[in-house]
Every structure is written in structure tokens, then in C-alpha cells.
Amino acid sequence: MKLSNVLRLRLSSHIGSMEILGLFNVLSTSVPRVPAFESMIHLETEYSHADTVLKFLQFTPNLESLAIVGGWFNKVNEDAFTSNLVPSCLLLHLKTIEVRKFEGRPEELKLVKYIWTNARILQVLIIQSGTSKTIVALEKKTQIMEMLLMNPRASTSCKVKFQFPK
């Protein structure tokens, strides 16, 4: 129950997947079944499994701000993106998403697209490119950004900011 008081949380990649999955098991079987992080408004994660990030969002119904440190995604479990159970924070509260170290990998793009198509009141999506500064890399990332913008989005008023390395 004390977890419900957490306002801001940073999940580091140093936390192992077994510890995170163990936490989910405890949270999903707790009585009463109340969202564990109901007060949380900001989450920053370096965690390497997109499907685990989405599961974690199920326990943060009032989340307003999400920062994802990318460039590290492992293979994505496709079931995470086809589930009809969209985290309520995406539908009702999430206003700002920042994706750092974005490299344009398919796994990263799938997570961004999922959030893009489900976050109904999203106001700002910030995508910070990773470290590659070559012209070819920047052209590839620009193509990816254009492709992303062509996808339908849940929030038509969302402003998108792309930041490339200097």
C-alpha cells in the first residue's frame, strides 16, 4: 500500500527482469486490487523489454509524464501490442512522452507507434535521436519520423518535437 504514495519513479536497467516480473506478480495478486502506483505522475525507465514497460503502465493509472531511455530494446513480444487492454493512463492522463537515445530500431518504433495510436490526451511527444551523427543515419531517422507522422494518432492536438544530435 505504501507504493501508492510514489509520485515519481525511475526504473533502471540494472534491475533484473526477474525482479520486475516478481513485482508484477505481487501487484496483480494483491488484495484489494487497487493500482499500486495510483499517485504516480512521472515514470522514467531504462528497462529493456517494451512489453514489460506496457505491463508496468497497467499499475500507473494516473501517469502524466513518461520518459523512455531507448537504444536498448530487446526483441519485442508482439502480444503486448495487440492486446485490447490499453493501460488507462494512455487513455486518460498521459500528456508528455519523451523518448531518449532513439535509434529507429523496429522495437523502438513499435513502442512509440503503440503509444502514439493510444494516448488520447497526449500533448507533447519528444523524440531525441541517439548518438549517430552521420548524414545517412540522420536521413534514416528523418524517414522514420515521417513514417511515424503518417500513422493515425489518438491525440490530434499533440505536438511532436524531434531533436537530433548537434
Protein backbone atom coordinates (compact mmCIF):
# COMPACT_ATOMS: atom_id res chain seq x y z
CA MET A 1 0.00 0.00 0.00
CA LYS A 2 2.94 2.36 0.58
CA LEU A 3 3.73 2.18 -3.11
CA SER A 4 0.57 4.14 -3.80
CA ASN A 5 2.31 7.27 -2.43
CA VAL A 6 5.09 7.26 -5.04
CA LEU A 7 4.83 10.33 -7.31
CA ARG A 8 7.97 9.90 -9.43
CA LEU A 9 9.84 6.69 -10.22
CA ARG A 10 12.92 5.78 -12.22
CA LEU A 11 13.32 2.14 -13.28
CA SER A 12 16.93 1.41 -14.07
CA SER A 13 18.16 -1.23 -16.48
CA HIS A 14 20.21 -2.58 -13.56
CA ILE A 15 17.03 -4.11 -12.16
CA GLY A 16 16.75 -7.63 -13.50
CA SER A 17 13.74 -8.89 -15.40
CA MET A 18 13.02 -11.50 -12.72
CA GLU A 19 12.74 -8.79 -10.04
CA ILE A 20 10.37 -6.72 -12.19
CA LEU A 21 8.25 -9.74 -13.11
CA GLY A 22 8.16 -10.75 -9.44
CA LEU A 23 6.90 -7.29 -8.56
CA PHE A 24 4.15 -7.60 -11.21
CA ASN A 25 3.06 -10.95 -9.79
CA VAL A 26 2.77 -9.47 -6.30
CA LEU A 27 0.93 -6.41 -7.58
CA SER A 28 -1.52 -8.35 -9.73
CA THR A 29 -2.50 -10.69 -6.89
CA SER A 30 -2.67 -8.10 -4.11
CA VAL A 31 -5.92 -7.58 -2.24
CA PRO A 32 -7.64 -5.23 -2.61
CA ARG A 33 -6.86 -4.96 -6.31
CA VAL A 34 -6.01 -1.30 -6.40
CA PRO A 35 -3.49 0.13 -8.85
CA ALA A 36 -0.22 0.01 -6.93
CA PHE A 37 1.10 3.34 -8.17
CA GLU A 38 -2.14 5.31 -8.26
CA SER A 39 -0.41 8.58 -7.22
CA MET A 40 2.46 8.30 -9.68
CA ILE A 41 2.55 11.10 -12.23
CA HIS A 42 6.05 10.60 -13.71
CA LEU A 43 7.92 7.47 -14.76
CA GLU A 44 11.39 7.25 -16.29
CA THR A 45 12.52 3.85 -17.44
CA GLU A 46 15.61 2.32 -18.97
CA TYR A 47 14.06 -1.12 -18.90
CA SER A 48 14.81 -3.24 -21.95
CA HIS A 49 11.54 -5.06 -22.62
CA ALA A 50 8.80 -2.98 -24.23
CA ASP A 51 6.12 -5.48 -23.19
CA THR A 52 7.27 -5.18 -19.56
CA VAL A 53 7.06 -1.38 -19.78
CA LEU A 54 3.48 -1.72 -21.05
CA LYS A 55 2.63 -4.13 -18.21
CA PHE A 56 4.06 -1.68 -15.71
CA LEU A 57 1.82 1.08 -17.13
CA GLN A 58 -1.18 -1.04 -16.08
CA PHE A 59 -0.25 -0.16 -12.48
CA THR A 60 0.07 3.61 -13.11
CA PRO A 61 -3.46 4.77 -13.97
CA ASN A 62 -2.79 8.49 -13.37
CA LEU A 63 0.59 8.76 -15.07
CA GLU A 64 1.01 12.12 -16.84
CA SER A 65 4.64 12.02 -17.95
CA LEU A 66 6.71 9.14 -19.31
CA ALA A 67 10.42 9.20 -20.21
CA ILE A 68 11.83 6.18 -22.01
CA VAL A 69 15.57 5.86 -22.47
CA GLY A 70 15.79 3.93 -25.73
CA GLY A 71 18.55 2.45 -27.81
CA TRP A 72 18.43 -0.75 -25.81
CA PHE A 73 15.24 -2.62 -26.64
CA ASN A 74 15.34 -6.38 -26.74
CA LYS A 75 13.10 -8.40 -29.04
CA VAL A 76 9.51 -7.31 -28.57
CA ASN A 77 6.70 -9.65 -27.57
CA GLU A 78 4.12 -8.90 -30.28
CA ASP A 79 1.23 -9.84 -27.96
CA ALA A 80 1.94 -6.71 -25.91
CA PHE A 81 0.92 -4.53 -28.85
CA THR A 82 -2.14 -6.49 -29.95
CA SER A 83 -3.85 -6.72 -26.58
CA ASN A 84 -7.20 -4.97 -26.26
CA LEU A 85 -6.24 -3.96 -22.73
CA VAL A 86 -4.70 -0.49 -23.16
CA PRO A 87 -3.27 1.00 -19.95
CA SER A 88 -5.73 3.57 -18.60
CA CYS A 89 -3.02 6.21 -18.25
CA LEU A 90 -2.66 6.20 -22.06
CA LEU A 91 -6.36 6.69 -22.49
CA LEU A 92 -6.98 9.29 -19.78
CA HIS A 93 -3.92 11.06 -18.34
CA LEU A 94 -0.65 10.78 -20.24
CA LYS A 95 0.29 14.24 -21.54
CA THR A 96 4.03 14.08 -22.20
CA ILE A 97 6.28 11.36 -23.56
CA GLU A 98 10.00 11.72 -24.08
CA VAL A 99 11.97 9.02 -25.88
CA ARG A 100 15.72 9.46 -25.43
CA LYS A 101 18.51 7.81 -27.45
CA PHE A 102 16.07 6.86 -30.21
CA GLU A 103 17.90 4.93 -32.94
CA GLY A 104 14.95 3.92 -35.10
CA ARG A 105 15.13 0.20 -34.40
CA PRO A 106 11.91 -1.72 -35.16
CA GLU A 107 11.40 -2.46 -31.44
CA GLU A 108 11.65 1.22 -30.53
CA LEU A 109 9.37 2.23 -33.36
CA LYS A 110 6.70 -0.32 -32.35
CA LEU A 111 6.56 1.05 -28.82
CA VAL A 112 6.38 4.67 -30.00
CA LYS A 113 3.67 3.79 -32.55
CA TYR A 114 1.66 1.95 -29.89
CA ILE A 115 1.75 4.93 -27.55
CA TRP A 116 1.11 7.32 -30.47
CA THR A 117 -2.06 5.47 -31.50
CA ASN A 118 -3.44 5.04 -27.96
CA ALA A 119 -2.54 8.14 -25.91
CA ARG A 120 -5.74 10.15 -26.28
CA ILE A 121 -4.77 13.36 -24.50
CA LEU A 122 -1.08 13.39 -25.37
CA GLN A 123 0.13 16.97 -25.69
CA VAL A 124 3.85 16.55 -26.42
CA LEU A 125 5.92 13.72 -27.89
CA ILE A 126 9.66 14.41 -27.77
CA ILE A 127 11.96 12.08 -29.65
CA GLN A 128 15.66 12.63 -29.04
CA SER A 129 17.87 10.89 -31.55
CA GLY A 130 20.73 8.72 -30.36
CA THR A 131 24.40 9.39 -30.82
CA SER A 132 24.83 8.69 -34.53
CA LYS A 133 25.55 11.93 -36.38
CA THR A 134 26.27 10.70 -39.90
CA ILE A 135 24.20 12.08 -42.77
CA VAL A 136 22.98 8.58 -43.66
CA ALA A 137 21.86 7.95 -40.07
CA LEU A 138 20.10 11.31 -39.89
CA GLU A 139 18.35 10.67 -43.24
CA LYS A 140 17.20 7.24 -41.99
CA LYS A 141 15.84 8.75 -38.79
CA THR A 142 14.11 11.51 -40.74
CA GLN A 143 12.38 8.86 -42.87
CA ILE A 144 11.31 7.03 -39.73
CA MET A 145 9.90 10.25 -38.26
CA GLU A 146 7.97 10.96 -41.46
CA MET A 147 6.59 7.42 -41.39
CA LEU A 148 5.54 7.86 -37.76
CA LEU A 149 3.73 11.11 -38.55
CA MET A 150 1.76 9.35 -41.31
CA ASN A 151 0.26 6.89 -38.79
CA PRO A 152 -3.09 7.68 -37.19
CA ARG A 153 -2.81 9.13 -33.73
CA ALA A 154 -5.22 9.27 -30.83
CA SER A 155 -4.46 12.90 -29.94
CA THR A 156 -4.80 15.26 -32.88
CA SER A 157 -3.50 18.20 -30.83
CA CYS A 158 -0.19 16.52 -29.93
CA LYS A 159 2.95 18.47 -30.77
CA VAL A 160 5.89 16.38 -31.93
CA LYS A 161 9.46 17.52 -31.36
CA PHE A 162 12.37 15.73 -32.98
CA GLN A 163 15.78 16.51 -31.54
CA PHE A 164 18.92 15.43 -33.40
CA PRO A 165 22.48 15.46 -32.05
CA LYS A 166 24.46 18.63 -32.58
